[in-house]
């Protein structure tokens, strides 16, 4: 039997996304609050939890988009949530709870969420209006739209599917949290977009901004300039220059700016570092339903800029020189940034597989990192993820929402040593993900785009060929430290040695602060540091603590405090 549509039925449009509420009819406040806010843009369906299973089937058969399902506690709650995950894998799932819910009920619902059957709980509205209730609902809807893609396009990218550069631009836009649309130049939509822009397909990709600005085959810096980013530093001397806008660098920028230091944050590629590619970070403090790496990075950058940080995009560090108490960062484009102290937060890069077949398909089905922008394009395909760490697990779970099947390939015989337990559990519960242990990828083939992979078993070297439209490689680590002078000491793998661990003898061990390198006034935080913890929370902690050490260095060594004026110090 179909669930009654109630008041929203008369105004329903087939194209509206659905919000399904499986709760008792007596919940009048819940019903009224939802209808008052969401009926214009969504079709709201109300009914008993027992009727929800049939309605979910009907919606799936009709090809309807379900954005959100809110379920109250009942004997049917697990069945309903299971059906949502099976039939509408992109829908967000919330458990309705009361403010004064009894402990056994909360414990039961916590177990349901911890098992991945629901995304979070949503507190029922207790008054009109109840903005805390609406905050929960809006955040869930926002998460759904982020996966689906909104109809608003701040940026339109027109290129060829078989174009690594077009895919790179889309990935950068995704990681910087820009709403964008991507179209094949040979498609009707792509052809119309080119005509509207007044350009031809002779040079691709073409990037069109919402204000009508047209960029033909732009560099990343060209696109950043057009989108309003700062790509060159201001004149003057900074108190601290931070190289790298991953979690550690962003945290350092927030704390430096909040404490009055003149701060430059230099990023050569994209915010968030490796964490920025994560589709959902569920174990970061303060975000119980999780947060994507791109959104976390965007929020942190906004926070840093509010405190006065100068974000310098596209700056690829090529050297560091010392003159007295001045540290000068040299960028690849010839720009020099003068600062009294430097924090190196350049993180690490994923190791590339040393295989000519795979290199030929880089950006054409083979991606290093999660490449979140590619997930929707791989709907219904077979996809492989190489790696056994948290980033690989998060990428696999995200891809499984679109791909027909995802295989995680690892050389070891277990994930337990390198991946958090909550991710291992999520993977085991996701029906279209499997893990193949003791295998490595040794070849690739396809006609302009990846179509097949060659796998080799490590135990007996036997090879097999499998179908694959995408390969995401998230293995190993290479610290980005080659640009630093030899006076900044590294371990045998290139990671920067800091604090008491440094025994270079350039200064007494007692004078070297925990995150200070062998070069006074130059600090290292996050994944680039020797023996770092390789977790987002640890990187954020190191970045924030390093600012106290910068204060100590500036005060003791230079006699300068953070309270000096707000304007940049003049060039001397």
Protein backbone atom coordinates (compact mmCIF):
# COMPACT_ATOMS: atom_id res chain seq x y z
CA UNK A 1 0.00 0.00 0.00
CA UNK A 2 1.34 3.43 -0.90
CA UNK A 3 2.19 5.85 1.83
CA UNK A 4 -0.20 8.83 1.98
CA UNK A 5 1.34 11.96 0.50
CA UNK A 6 -0.62 14.39 2.66
CA UNK A 7 -0.66 18.09 1.91
CA UNK A 8 2.47 17.99 -0.22
CA UNK A 9 0.91 15.65 -2.75
CA UNK A 10 -1.21 18.25 -4.57
CA UNK A 11 1.80 20.48 -5.32
CA UNK A 12 4.24 17.69 -6.08
CA UNK A 13 6.35 17.82 -9.23
CA UNK A 14 8.00 14.71 -10.70
CA UNK A 15 11.37 16.45 -10.76
CA UNK A 16 11.38 17.41 -7.10
CA UNK A 17 13.69 15.43 -4.81
CA UNK A 18 11.85 13.50 -2.12
CA UNK A 19 12.02 13.86 1.65
CA UNK A 20 10.46 10.77 3.21
CA UNK A 21 9.33 10.87 6.85
CA UNK A 22 8.55 7.50 8.41
CA UNK A 23 6.90 8.50 11.67
CA UNK A 24 3.56 8.32 13.46
CA UNK A 25 0.79 10.63 12.17
CA UNK A 26 0.48 12.14 15.64
CA UNK A 27 3.77 14.02 15.20
CA UNK A 28 2.03 17.21 14.14
CA UNK A 29 4.90 19.55 15.07
CA UNK A 30 7.33 17.54 12.95
CA UNK A 31 4.96 17.57 9.99
CA UNK A 32 4.21 21.29 10.20
CA UNK A 33 7.85 22.32 10.54
CA UNK A 34 8.85 20.30 7.48
CA UNK A 35 5.96 21.52 5.34
CA UNK A 36 6.57 25.14 6.30
CA UNK A 37 10.19 25.09 5.10
CA UNK A 38 10.68 22.45 2.42
CA UNK A 39 7.49 21.88 0.41
CA UNK A 40 8.46 24.38 -2.30
CA UNK A 41 11.62 22.56 -3.35
CA UNK A 42 10.94 18.98 -2.23
CA UNK A 43 8.09 16.49 -2.29
CA UNK A 44 7.38 15.52 1.30
CA UNK A 45 5.97 12.05 1.95
CA UNK A 46 4.60 11.19 5.40
CA UNK A 47 3.51 7.85 6.78
CA UNK A 48 3.97 5.04 9.26
CA UNK A 49 7.36 3.23 9.23
CA UNK A 50 5.56 -0.01 8.27
CA UNK A 51 4.47 1.57 4.97
CA UNK A 52 7.87 3.00 4.08
CA UNK A 53 9.26 -0.17 2.52
CA UNK A 54 6.64 -0.21 -0.21
CA UNK A 55 7.06 3.48 -0.93
CA UNK A 56 10.83 3.14 -1.20
CA UNK A 57 10.29 0.41 -3.80
CA UNK A 58 7.84 2.62 -5.72
CA UNK A 59 10.25 5.54 -5.72
CA UNK A 60 13.11 3.38 -6.93
CA UNK A 61 11.00 1.90 -9.75
CA UNK A 62 9.98 5.41 -10.82
CA UNK A 63 13.58 6.59 -10.79
CA UNK A 64 12.83 9.30 -8.24
CA UNK A 65 15.65 11.03 -6.38
CA UNK A 66 15.36 10.61 -2.63
CA UNK A 67 17.35 13.24 -0.76
CA UNK A 68 16.52 12.49 2.87
CA UNK A 69 14.76 9.84 4.94
CA UNK A 70 13.84 10.59 8.56
CA UNK A 71 12.82 7.52 10.57
CA UNK A 72 11.37 7.30 14.07
CA UNK A 73 12.09 4.39 16.41
CA UNK A 74 9.87 1.39 15.70
CA UNK A 75 10.19 -2.37 15.09
CA UNK A 76 10.67 -1.53 11.39
CA UNK A 77 13.49 0.99 11.74
CA UNK A 78 16.35 -1.30 10.67
CA UNK A 79 14.37 -2.69 7.72
CA UNK A 80 13.54 0.80 6.49
CA UNK A 81 17.13 2.00 6.82
CA UNK A 82 18.41 -1.10 5.05
CA UNK A 83 15.99 -0.52 2.17
CA UNK A 84 17.12 3.10 1.88
CA UNK A 85 20.76 2.08 1.65
CA UNK A 86 19.98 -0.61 -0.93
CA UNK A 87 17.51 1.27 -3.14
CA UNK A 88 18.61 4.89 -2.68
CA UNK A 89 22.31 4.77 -1.72
CA UNK A 90 22.82 8.55 -1.98
CA UNK A 91 19.92 9.47 0.33
CA UNK A 92 20.83 10.76 3.76
CA UNK A 93 19.38 8.78 6.66
CA UNK A 94 18.42 10.40 9.98
CA UNK A 95 17.03 8.85 13.16
CA UNK A 96 14.41 11.01 14.86
CA UNK A 97 15.01 11.42 18.60
CA UNK A 98 13.47 13.57 21.33
CA UNK A 99 15.46 15.99 23.46
CA UNK A 100 14.68 13.92 26.57
CA UNK A 101 15.17 10.48 24.98
CA UNK A 102 15.84 7.75 27.52
CA UNK A 103 19.33 6.28 27.75
CA UNK A 104 18.42 2.78 26.40
CA UNK A 105 16.86 4.38 23.33
CA UNK A 106 19.90 6.58 22.70
CA UNK A 107 22.20 3.59 23.10
CA UNK A 108 20.14 1.60 20.61
CA UNK A 109 20.25 4.45 18.11
CA UNK A 110 23.98 4.99 18.67
CA UNK A 111 24.52 1.34 17.79
CA UNK A 112 22.49 1.74 14.59
CA UNK A 113 24.60 4.75 13.56
CA UNK A 114 27.90 3.10 14.50
CA UNK A 115 26.99 0.15 12.26
CA UNK A 116 26.53 2.52 9.33
CA UNK A 117 22.77 1.93 9.04
CA UNK A 118 22.02 5.63 9.59
CA UNK A 119 24.06 8.80 9.20
CA UNK A 120 23.09 10.57 12.41
CA UNK A 121 20.21 11.37 14.70
CA UNK A 122 17.96 14.39 14.24
CA UNK A 123 16.27 15.99 17.24
CA UNK A 124 12.53 16.41 16.78
CA UNK A 125 11.26 20.01 16.69
CA UNK A 126 9.98 21.19 20.06
CA UNK A 127 8.72 24.65 19.12
CA UNK A 128 7.82 26.76 16.11
CA UNK A 129 10.23 27.62 14.68
CA UNK A 130 12.86 25.17 15.89
CA UNK A 131 16.06 26.28 14.17
CA UNK A 132 18.23 23.54 15.68
CA UNK A 133 15.98 20.98 14.03
CA UNK A 134 16.20 22.82 10.73
CA UNK A 135 19.98 23.07 11.05
CA UNK A 136 20.20 19.28 11.24
CA UNK A 137 17.89 18.86 8.25
CA UNK A 138 19.64 21.49 6.12
CA UNK A 139 23.07 20.00 6.82
CA UNK A 140 21.86 16.59 5.67
CA UNK A 141 20.29 18.07 2.53
CA UNK A 142 23.48 20.02 1.83
CA UNK A 143 25.49 16.81 2.03
CA UNK A 144 23.11 15.16 -0.46
CA UNK A 145 23.37 18.05 -2.91
CA UNK A 146 27.16 17.98 -2.67
CA UNK A 147 27.16 14.38 -3.86
CA UNK A 148 24.49 14.93 -6.47
CA UNK A 149 25.66 18.30 -7.79
CA UNK A 150 23.49 21.40 -7.74
CA UNK A 151 21.85 23.05 -10.72
CA UNK A 152 23.83 26.24 -10.04
CA UNK A 153 27.20 26.32 -11.79
CA UNK A 154 29.66 28.96 -10.65
CA UNK A 155 32.06 27.47 -13.18
CA UNK A 156 31.43 25.52 -16.38
CA UNK A 157 34.17 23.32 -17.83
CA UNK A 158 33.95 22.15 -21.46
CA UNK A 159 36.51 19.62 -22.65
CA UNK A 160 36.97 16.13 -24.01
CA UNK A 161 36.33 13.10 -21.85
CA UNK A 162 39.74 11.86 -22.91
CA UNK A 163 41.47 14.95 -21.53
CA UNK A 164 43.63 14.70 -18.43
CA UNK A 165 43.75 18.48 -18.16
CA UNK A 166 39.96 18.87 -18.12
CA UNK A 167 39.74 16.27 -15.35
CA UNK A 168 42.48 18.05 -13.39
CA UNK A 169 40.56 21.35 -13.52
CA UNK A 170 37.37 19.65 -12.33
CA UNK A 171 39.21 17.98 -9.47
CA UNK A 172 40.70 21.31 -8.36
CA UNK A 173 37.25 22.95 -8.44
CA UNK A 174 35.83 20.06 -6.41
CA UNK A 175 38.60 20.30 -3.83
CA UNK A 176 38.10 24.06 -3.52
CA UNK A 177 34.37 23.56 -2.96
CA UNK A 178 33.25 25.41 -6.12
CA UNK A 179 29.91 24.35 -7.66
CA UNK A 180 30.70 23.49 -11.25
CA UNK A 181 29.41 21.64 -14.29
CA UNK A 182 31.49 19.61 -16.72
CA UNK A 183 30.50 18.82 -20.32
CA UNK A 184 32.01 16.92 -23.20
CA UNK A 185 32.65 19.36 -26.05
CA UNK A 186 31.06 16.91 -28.51
CA UNK A 187 27.82 16.62 -26.52
CA UNK A 188 24.77 18.84 -27.23
CA UNK A 189 25.16 20.54 -23.83
CA UNK A 190 28.87 21.12 -24.41
CA UNK A 191 28.29 22.49 -27.90
CA UNK A 192 25.64 24.91 -26.60
CA UNK A 193 27.94 26.05 -23.79
CA UNK A 194 30.72 26.81 -26.30
CA UNK A 195 28.29 28.73 -28.51
CA UNK A 196 27.07 30.81 -25.56
CA UNK A 197 30.67 31.55 -24.64
CA UNK A 198 31.46 32.61 -28.22
CA UNK A 199 34.41 30.24 -28.63
CA UNK A 200 35.16 27.14 -30.68
CA UNK A 201 36.47 23.75 -29.67
CA UNK A 202 39.83 24.32 -31.35
CA UNK A 203 41.52 24.76 -27.96
CA UNK A 204 40.23 22.90 -24.94
CA UNK A 205 39.41 22.87 -22.13
CA UNK A 206 37.31 26.04 -21.96
CA UNK A 207 36.33 27.40 -18.56
CA UNK A 208 33.37 29.77 -18.29
CA UNK A 209 32.67 31.67 -15.07
CA UNK A 210 29.21 32.66 -13.87
CA UNK A 211 29.87 36.31 -14.74
CA UNK A 212 30.60 35.39 -18.37
CA UNK A 213 34.40 35.40 -18.17
CA UNK A 214 35.83 32.88 -20.63
CA UNK A 215 39.20 31.17 -20.13
CA UNK A 216 40.66 29.07 -22.93
CA UNK A 217 43.01 26.30 -21.78
CA UNK A 218 43.89 28.22 -18.60
CA UNK A 219 46.63 27.40 -16.13
CA UNK A 220 45.63 26.80 -12.53
CA UNK A 221 46.90 30.26 -11.65
CA UNK A 222 44.90 31.83 -14.51
CA UNK A 223 41.74 30.19 -13.17
CA UNK A 224 42.55 31.20 -9.59
CA UNK A 225 43.07 34.83 -10.63
CA UNK A 226 39.75 34.87 -12.48
CA UNK A 227 38.00 33.41 -9.44
CA UNK A 228 39.36 36.15 -7.19
CA UNK A 229 42.17 34.34 -5.40
CA UNK A 230 45.40 36.08 -4.42
CA UNK A 231 48.28 34.65 -6.44
CA UNK A 232 51.02 37.04 -5.36
CA UNK A 233 52.00 38.19 -1.86
CA UNK A 234 51.66 41.73 -0.61
CA UNK A 235 54.71 43.93 -0.30
CA UNK A 236 56.54 43.83 3.00
CA UNK A 237 57.86 41.39 5.54
CA UNK A 238 55.61 38.74 7.07
CA UNK A 239 56.02 37.53 10.63
CA UNK A 240 55.44 33.98 9.46
CA UNK A 241 55.19 32.38 6.05
CA UNK A 242 53.44 28.99 6.01
CA UNK A 243 54.15 26.70 3.07
CA UNK A 244 51.31 24.24 2.45
CA UNK A 245 47.56 24.56 3.05
CA UNK A 246 46.80 21.10 4.38
CA UNK A 247 45.28 20.68 7.85
CA UNK A 248 48.56 21.56 9.59
CA UNK A 249 49.19 24.67 7.50
CA UNK A 250 45.59 25.86 7.74
CA UNK A 251 45.59 25.43 11.52
CA UNK A 252 48.85 27.35 11.78
CA UNK A 253 47.37 30.15 9.64
CA UNK A 254 44.24 30.39 11.81
CA UNK A 255 46.21 30.58 15.05
CA UNK A 256 48.86 32.93 13.65
CA UNK A 257 46.25 35.33 12.35
CA UNK A 258 44.17 35.17 15.52
CA UNK A 259 47.24 36.09 17.60
CA UNK A 260 48.14 39.10 15.48
CA UNK A 261 51.00 37.73 13.39
CA UNK A 262 51.35 38.95 9.78
CA UNK A 263 50.81 35.69 7.98
CA UNK A 264 51.18 34.39 4.44
CA UNK A 265 49.85 30.95 3.53
CA UNK A 266 51.36 29.61 0.31
CA UNK A 267 49.75 26.68 -1.52
CA UNK A 268 50.94 25.41 -4.88
CA UNK A 269 47.96 23.20 -5.82
CA UNK A 270 44.87 22.82 -3.66
CA UNK A 271 43.66 23.34 -0.12
CA UNK A 272 43.39 20.51 2.33
CA UNK A 273 46.35 18.42 1.20
CA UNK A 274 45.64 14.70 1.15
CA UNK A 275 42.82 15.23 3.64
CA UNK A 276 41.16 17.52 1.09
CA UNK A 277 40.51 14.53 -1.16
CA UNK A 278 38.62 12.62 1.55
CA UNK A 279 34.92 12.29 0.79
CA UNK A 280 33.98 11.92 4.47
CA UNK A 281 36.11 12.23 7.60
CA UNK A 282 34.03 10.68 10.37
CA UNK A 283 36.47 10.69 13.28
CA UNK A 284 37.37 14.39 13.39
CA UNK A 285 36.41 16.07 16.67
CA UNK A 286 33.22 18.10 16.59
CA UNK A 287 31.65 16.63 13.43
CA UNK A 288 29.59 13.64 14.59
CA UNK A 289 28.08 12.99 11.16
CA UNK A 290 31.43 13.54 9.45
CA UNK A 291 32.68 16.22 7.09
CA UNK A 292 34.31 16.07 3.68
CA UNK A 293 37.95 17.08 3.44
CA UNK A 294 37.11 19.79 0.90
CA UNK A 295 34.50 21.38 3.16
CA UNK A 296 36.76 21.21 6.21
CA UNK A 297 39.56 22.90 4.25
CA UNK A 298 37.21 25.58 2.85
CA UNK A 299 35.92 26.42 6.34
CA UNK A 300 39.45 26.58 7.72
CA UNK A 301 40.60 28.88 4.90
CA UNK A 302 37.64 31.21 5.49
CA UNK A 303 38.56 31.27 9.17
CA UNK A 304 42.21 32.07 8.44
CA UNK A 305 41.33 34.85 5.99
CA UNK A 306 38.90 36.42 8.48
CA UNK A 307 41.89 36.74 10.83
CA UNK A 308 43.87 38.50 8.09
CA UNK A 309 45.93 35.70 6.54
CA UNK A 310 47.10 36.32 2.97
CA UNK A 311 46.39 33.16 0.98
CA UNK A 312 48.85 32.99 -1.94
CA UNK A 313 47.66 30.38 -4.42
CA UNK A 314 49.85 28.72 -7.05
CA UNK A 315 53.08 29.41 -5.21
CA UNK A 316 55.39 26.47 -5.84
CA UNK A 317 58.27 26.79 -3.38
CA UNK A 318 61.63 26.35 -5.10
CA UNK A 319 64.06 27.53 -2.43
CA UNK A 320 64.72 29.11 0.94
CA UNK A 321 67.54 31.53 1.66
CA UNK A 322 68.72 33.07 4.92
CA UNK A 323 70.09 36.57 5.49
CA UNK A 324 70.52 37.40 9.17
CA UNK A 325 67.11 37.13 10.82
CA UNK A 326 65.27 37.22 7.50
CA UNK A 327 64.03 34.06 5.76
CA UNK A 328 63.18 34.43 2.07
CA UNK A 329 60.97 31.94 0.28
CA UNK A 330 61.63 31.68 -3.43
CA UNK A 331 58.78 30.55 -5.67
CA UNK A 332 59.06 28.88 -9.05
CA UNK A 333 57.62 31.92 -10.84
CA UNK A 334 60.40 34.16 -9.49
CA UNK A 335 58.38 35.64 -6.63
CA UNK A 336 60.15 36.08 -3.30
CA UNK A 337 58.37 36.21 0.05
CA UNK A 338 60.24 37.70 2.97
CA UNK A 339 59.40 36.53 6.49
CA UNK A 340 60.88 36.43 9.98
CA UNK A 341 59.92 32.77 10.41
CA UNK A 342 58.76 29.91 8.21
CA UNK A 343 56.52 26.92 8.87
CA UNK A 344 56.89 24.04 6.42
CA UNK A 345 53.60 22.13 6.14
CA UNK A 346 54.00 20.74 2.63
CA UNK A 347 52.80 17.27 3.55
CA UNK A 348 53.35 14.25 1.38
CA UNK A 349 52.38 13.12 -2.11
CA UNK A 350 51.04 9.72 -3.07
CA UNK A 351 53.69 7.50 -4.61
CA UNK A 352 53.20 6.89 -8.30
CA UNK A 353 53.29 3.36 -9.68
CA UNK A 354 56.41 2.90 -11.79
CA UNK A 355 54.79 1.43 -14.88
CA UNK A 356 54.68 2.97 -18.39
CA UNK A 357 51.22 1.53 -19.10
CA UNK A 358 49.78 3.27 -16.06
CA UNK A 359 51.58 6.54 -16.82
CA UNK A 360 49.89 6.58 -20.24
CA UNK A 361 46.45 6.64 -18.57
CA UNK A 362 47.18 9.19 -15.84
CA UNK A 363 44.18 11.50 -15.76
CA UNK A 364 42.44 9.18 -18.21
CA UNK A 365 41.14 6.65 -15.75
CA UNK A 366 44.22 6.43 -13.53
CA UNK A 367 44.25 8.95 -10.67
CA UNK A 368 46.59 9.56 -7.76
CA UNK A 369 44.45 10.50 -4.80
CA UNK A 370 40.71 10.20 -4.35
CA UNK A 371 39.75 12.43 -7.35
CA UNK A 372 36.25 12.95 -5.95
CA UNK A 373 35.13 14.78 -9.09
CA UNK A 374 35.40 11.52 -11.04
CA UNK A 375 32.97 9.50 -8.92
CA UNK A 376 29.74 10.44 -10.75
CA UNK A 377 31.36 9.83 -14.14
CA UNK A 378 32.06 6.23 -13.07
CA UNK A 379 28.45 5.38 -12.32
CA UNK A 380 27.79 1.73 -13.14
CA UNK A 381 31.46 0.93 -13.78
CA UNK A 382 34.03 -1.38 -12.19
CA UNK A 383 36.60 0.60 -10.21
CA UNK A 384 39.81 -0.33 -8.37
CA UNK A 385 41.43 1.41 -5.40
CA UNK A 386 45.06 0.67 -4.55
CA UNK A 387 46.03 1.31 -0.94
CA UNK A 388 45.32 0.20 2.60
CA UNK A 389 45.21 3.47 4.54
CA UNK A 390 42.34 5.67 5.66
CA UNK A 391 42.37 7.73 2.47
CA UNK A 392 41.98 4.57 0.38
CA UNK A 393 39.12 3.35 2.56
CA UNK A 394 37.28 6.66 2.38
CA UNK A 395 37.75 6.78 -1.41
CA UNK A 396 36.37 3.25 -1.83
CA UNK A 397 33.26 3.98 0.26
CA UNK A 398 32.57 7.16 -1.69
CA UNK A 399 33.09 5.50 -5.07
CA UNK A 400 30.81 2.62 -4.10
CA UNK A 401 27.87 5.04 -4.04
CA UNK A 402 28.26 5.44 -7.80
CA UNK A 403 30.27 2.55 -9.24
CA UNK A 404 28.76 -0.86 -9.85
CA UNK A 405 31.62 -2.51 -8.00
CA UNK A 406 34.74 -1.32 -6.15
CA UNK A 407 37.76 -3.52 -5.45
CA UNK A 408 40.43 -2.50 -2.96
CA UNK A 409 43.77 -4.02 -3.93
CA UNK A 410 46.46 -4.28 -1.25
CA UNK A 411 49.80 -6.08 -1.15
CA UNK A 412 49.46 -7.04 2.51
CA UNK A 413 47.16 -9.62 4.07
CA UNK A 414 45.26 -7.22 6.35
CA UNK A 415 43.91 -3.68 6.59
CA UNK A 416 44.04 -3.54 10.37
CA UNK A 417 47.56 -2.11 10.66
CA UNK A 418 46.96 0.90 8.42
CA UNK A 419 43.21 1.67 8.43
CA UNK A 420 40.88 2.84 11.21
CA UNK A 421 38.45 0.23 12.46
CA UNK A 422 35.35 2.29 11.62
CA UNK A 423 36.40 2.32 7.95
CA UNK A 424 37.11 -1.41 7.93
CA UNK A 425 33.64 -2.01 9.34
CA UNK A 426 32.03 0.32 6.79
CA UNK A 427 33.81 -1.52 3.97
CA UNK A 428 32.67 -4.91 5.24
CA UNK A 429 29.05 -3.68 5.31
CA UNK A 430 29.13 -2.23 1.79
CA UNK A 431 27.92 -4.94 -0.56
CA UNK A 432 29.59 -3.66 -3.71
CA UNK A 433 33.09 -3.38 -2.20
CA UNK A 434 35.49 -6.26 -1.89
CA UNK A 435 39.10 -6.40 -0.77
CA UNK A 436 41.75 -8.42 -2.60
CA UNK A 437 44.81 -9.09 -0.50
CA UNK A 438 48.25 -9.94 -1.79
CA UNK A 439 47.85 -8.34 -5.24
CA UNK A 440 49.47 -5.47 -7.11
CA UNK A 441 48.60 -3.60 -10.29
CA UNK A 442 51.25 -4.13 -12.98
CA UNK A 443 49.57 -3.07 -16.25
CA UNK A 444 46.78 -1.16 -17.95
CA UNK A 445 45.16 -0.94 -21.38
CA UNK A 446 42.34 0.84 -23.17
CA UNK A 447 41.38 2.93 -26.18
CA UNK A 448 42.02 6.49 -25.01
CA UNK A 449 40.59 5.71 -21.56
CA UNK A 450 41.35 2.99 -19.05
CA UNK A 451 39.43 -0.22 -19.79
CA UNK A 452 41.48 -3.06 -18.28
CA UNK A 453 44.04 -3.64 -15.54
CA UNK A 454 46.59 -6.38 -15.10
CA UNK A 455 46.88 -7.72 -11.55
CA UNK A 456 49.69 -9.87 -10.16
CA UNK A 457 49.45 -12.07 -7.09
CA UNK A 458 52.42 -11.52 -4.79
CA UNK A 459 52.47 -15.13 -3.57
CA UNK A 460 53.03 -16.88 -6.90
CA UNK A 461 53.40 -14.00 -9.46
CA UNK A 462 50.38 -15.19 -11.44
CA UNK A 463 48.72 -12.46 -13.51
CA UNK A 464 45.15 -11.83 -14.57
CA UNK A 465 43.35 -9.15 -16.59
CA UNK A 466 40.25 -7.48 -15.17
CA UNK A 467 37.80 -4.88 -16.45
CA UNK A 468 38.24 -1.45 -14.85
CA UNK A 469 37.11 2.03 -15.88
CA UNK A 470 38.93 3.72 -13.00
CA UNK A 471 42.00 3.18 -10.86
CA UNK A 472 42.65 5.34 -7.79
CA UNK A 473 46.11 5.00 -6.29
CA UNK A 474 46.58 6.02 -2.65
CA UNK A 475 49.79 4.35 -1.54
CA UNK A 476 53.11 5.29 -0.04
CA UNK A 477 54.30 8.76 0.71
CA UNK A 478 56.91 11.15 -0.65
CA UNK A 479 57.54 14.29 1.43
CA UNK A 480 57.82 17.51 -0.53
CA UNK A 481 61.13 18.78 0.85
CA UNK A 482 63.58 18.82 -2.09
CA UNK A 483 63.29 22.61 -2.35
CA UNK A 484 64.78 23.20 1.09
CA UNK A 485 68.52 23.85 1.63
CA UNK A 486 70.74 21.10 2.97
CA UNK A 487 71.00 22.96 6.27
CA UNK A 488 67.45 21.77 7.01
CA UNK A 489 68.09 18.21 8.11
CA UNK A 490 66.01 15.26 6.92
CA UNK A 491 65.83 11.56 7.68
CA UNK A 492 66.68 8.90 5.11
CA UNK A 493 63.22 9.23 3.53
CA UNK A 494 63.27 13.01 3.23
CA UNK A 495 61.08 13.85 6.24
CA UNK A 496 62.14 16.91 8.26
CA UNK A 497 63.74 16.23 11.64
CA UNK A 498 62.60 18.57 14.40
CA UNK A 499 63.18 19.27 18.07
CA UNK A 500 65.34 17.02 20.26
CA UNK A 501 65.39 14.37 17.50
CA UNK A 502 67.72 16.64 15.52
CA UNK A 503 71.36 16.04 16.52
CA UNK A 504 73.04 18.19 13.89
CA UNK A 505 74.82 20.26 16.54
CA UNK A 506 73.93 23.61 14.95
CA UNK A 507 72.44 24.79 18.23
CA UNK A 508 72.12 23.37 21.76
CA UNK A 509 69.37 20.76 21.93
CA UNK A 510 67.71 22.60 24.78
CA UNK A 511 67.25 25.69 22.60
CA UNK A 512 65.47 23.86 19.81
CA UNK A 513 61.70 23.82 20.13
CA UNK A 514 59.63 20.70 19.50
CA UNK A 515 58.70 21.55 15.90
CA UNK A 516 61.79 23.59 15.01
CA UNK A 517 64.12 22.21 12.36
CA UNK A 518 67.93 22.38 12.33
CA UNK A 519 67.56 25.88 10.88
CA UNK A 520 66.45 28.34 13.59
CA UNK A 521 63.18 30.06 12.79
CA UNK A 522 62.13 27.32 10.37
CA UNK A 523 59.52 24.92 11.73
CA UNK A 524 57.91 21.76 10.33
CA UNK A 525 54.45 20.41 11.13
CA UNK A 526 52.11 17.72 9.87
CA UNK A 527 52.90 14.79 7.62
CA UNK A 528 56.18 16.31 6.35
CA UNK A 529 57.70 16.00 9.82
CA UNK A 530 59.76 13.00 10.89
CA UNK A 531 57.69 10.55 12.99
CA UNK A 532 54.44 12.52 12.66
CA UNK A 533 51.19 10.69 13.35
CA UNK A 534 49.67 11.04 9.83
CA UNK A 535 46.20 11.95 11.08
CA UNK A 536 44.14 15.11 10.47
CA UNK A 537 43.64 15.88 14.16
CA UNK A 538 47.35 15.47 14.90
CA UNK A 539 48.28 17.76 12.00
CA UNK A 540 45.83 20.43 13.22
CA UNK A 541 47.29 20.16 16.71
CA UNK A 542 50.86 20.51 15.47
CA UNK A 543 49.98 23.53 13.33
CA UNK A 544 48.36 25.35 16.25
CA UNK A 545 51.08 24.50 18.77
CA UNK A 546 53.80 25.62 16.35
CA UNK A 547 52.49 29.20 16.50
CA UNK A 548 53.32 29.39 20.21
CA UNK A 549 56.85 28.31 19.30
CA UNK A 550 57.00 30.95 16.57
CA UNK A 551 55.99 33.54 19.19
CA UNK A 552 58.78 32.33 21.47
CA UNK A 553 61.31 32.44 18.65
CA UNK A 554 60.32 35.95 17.54
CA UNK A 555 60.35 37.27 21.08
CA UNK A 556 63.61 35.64 22.20
CA UNK A 557 65.57 35.90 18.98
CA UNK A 558 64.27 39.10 17.47
CA UNK A 559 62.76 40.93 20.43
CA UNK A 560 59.45 41.15 18.56
CA UNK A 561 55.99 40.40 19.90
CA UNK A 562 52.69 39.67 18.22
CA UNK A 563 51.22 42.92 19.44
CA UNK A 564 53.12 45.14 16.97
CA UNK A 565 50.85 47.06 14.52
CA UNK A 566 48.43 45.54 12.10
CA UNK A 567 50.06 46.61 8.84
CA UNK A 568 52.84 44.68 7.17
CA UNK A 569 56.31 45.63 8.27
CA UNK A 570 58.20 47.62 5.63
CA UNK A 571 60.81 46.00 3.44
CA UNK A 572 64.26 46.69 4.91
